[in-house]
Amino acid sequence: MRNRFASTFYELGQHDPRLVVVVADISPAGSIAKFREDFPDRFINTGVAEQVMIGLCAGMAQRGLRPFAYTIATFSVFRPYEMIRDDLCYQDLPVTVVGIGGGVSYSTLGGTHHAMEDVALMTSLPNMSVVAPCDPAETEAATRWLALNNQHPAYLRLGKAGEPDLTSEAAEAFTFGRIRHLRRGRGTAFLTYGPITKTALALADAEERKAGQPATVVSVHTLKPLDADGLSAVLASHDQVVVIEEHVPHGGLGSRVKELAWDIRAGCDLQLFSLKDEFIHRYGNHDDVLAAHGLSFAAIAGELGLL
């Protein structure tokens, strides 16, 4: 996902001189390195100074540029949070904060590099949009929209690299601010976002094998503004709805769907699967850490009776 972001941003930057990248002590690779080489006046590395990164972006936006602040999610969100709130959101500036490695993607680096609470923090800010694509193609679509159309602060939550294509056969195209049906069916509706969408699709396959009917899978890529109408339609038209997210239990998609279900008096059975509300000291790859949080395919499938 980060590679597709970089290549898309490089392509757009060739035609739009307003596009600027400000990074904080992260080594540029791939097309971001090429962007630095070809447009050195539009690439700035502040070093270990994430607050400065956000402040610079705010000043650039006030001068008519379209800056993207780019680094690992924990450092693009948590460390400069006050500056995001006051410099970007308070002044409603068109700056995109890019967080690489949302959730527990940086598994082997431990809790200091796990962005488990970022969606809750960023969706709570006035004027802030939050987008979390599920695969490289959605990443490209989101990057294009944010670079060309967005007029407000935004947070782009990405995985790392090597994520599979999940949307080439999607039932709907990407539209900012609207849920996206990847599959339509009469069985369970799976609501999800980010790379863990892969698990939701695998669970949908398992349900079809067991129940003999296709399930619905929805990419809720835009977490703010949330598509309340689209989600309400899903809640009203399915007997079972399952939310799967790589985020703590509170303040994410699951919490919002619960609120919405209550508001519309939805009659469906609603189940939520998320990271645990704790720091788990487990060393391993991404799948290992997800499993420790109960977010493996086997754990969820067992709870849903799909094994």
Foldseek 3Di string as FASTA:
>chain_A
DVQLLLVLLLVVCVPDVLEAEEEEQDDDDHSVVVCCVVPVVRYHYPYNCLLVSLQVQLVSQVVPGQYEYDDAQLSLDVPNPVSCQVSFQVVFGLYEYEHEAEFCQVVQVFDSRGNFARLLSQQVHHQEWEFFAADSVVSSVVSVCSRPPDGGYYYYYAYHDDQDDQQPQAPDDDDAQAKGKRDDWAAEEEEEHYNLLVLVVVLQVLCCVVVVIGYIYIYQRTFPVGNLVRLVVNLQRHQHYEYEYSHEPPRGPNPVSVVSCVVVVRNHHYYYQYFYPDGDPDHDHPQVNCVVRQSHSVSVCVVVVSD
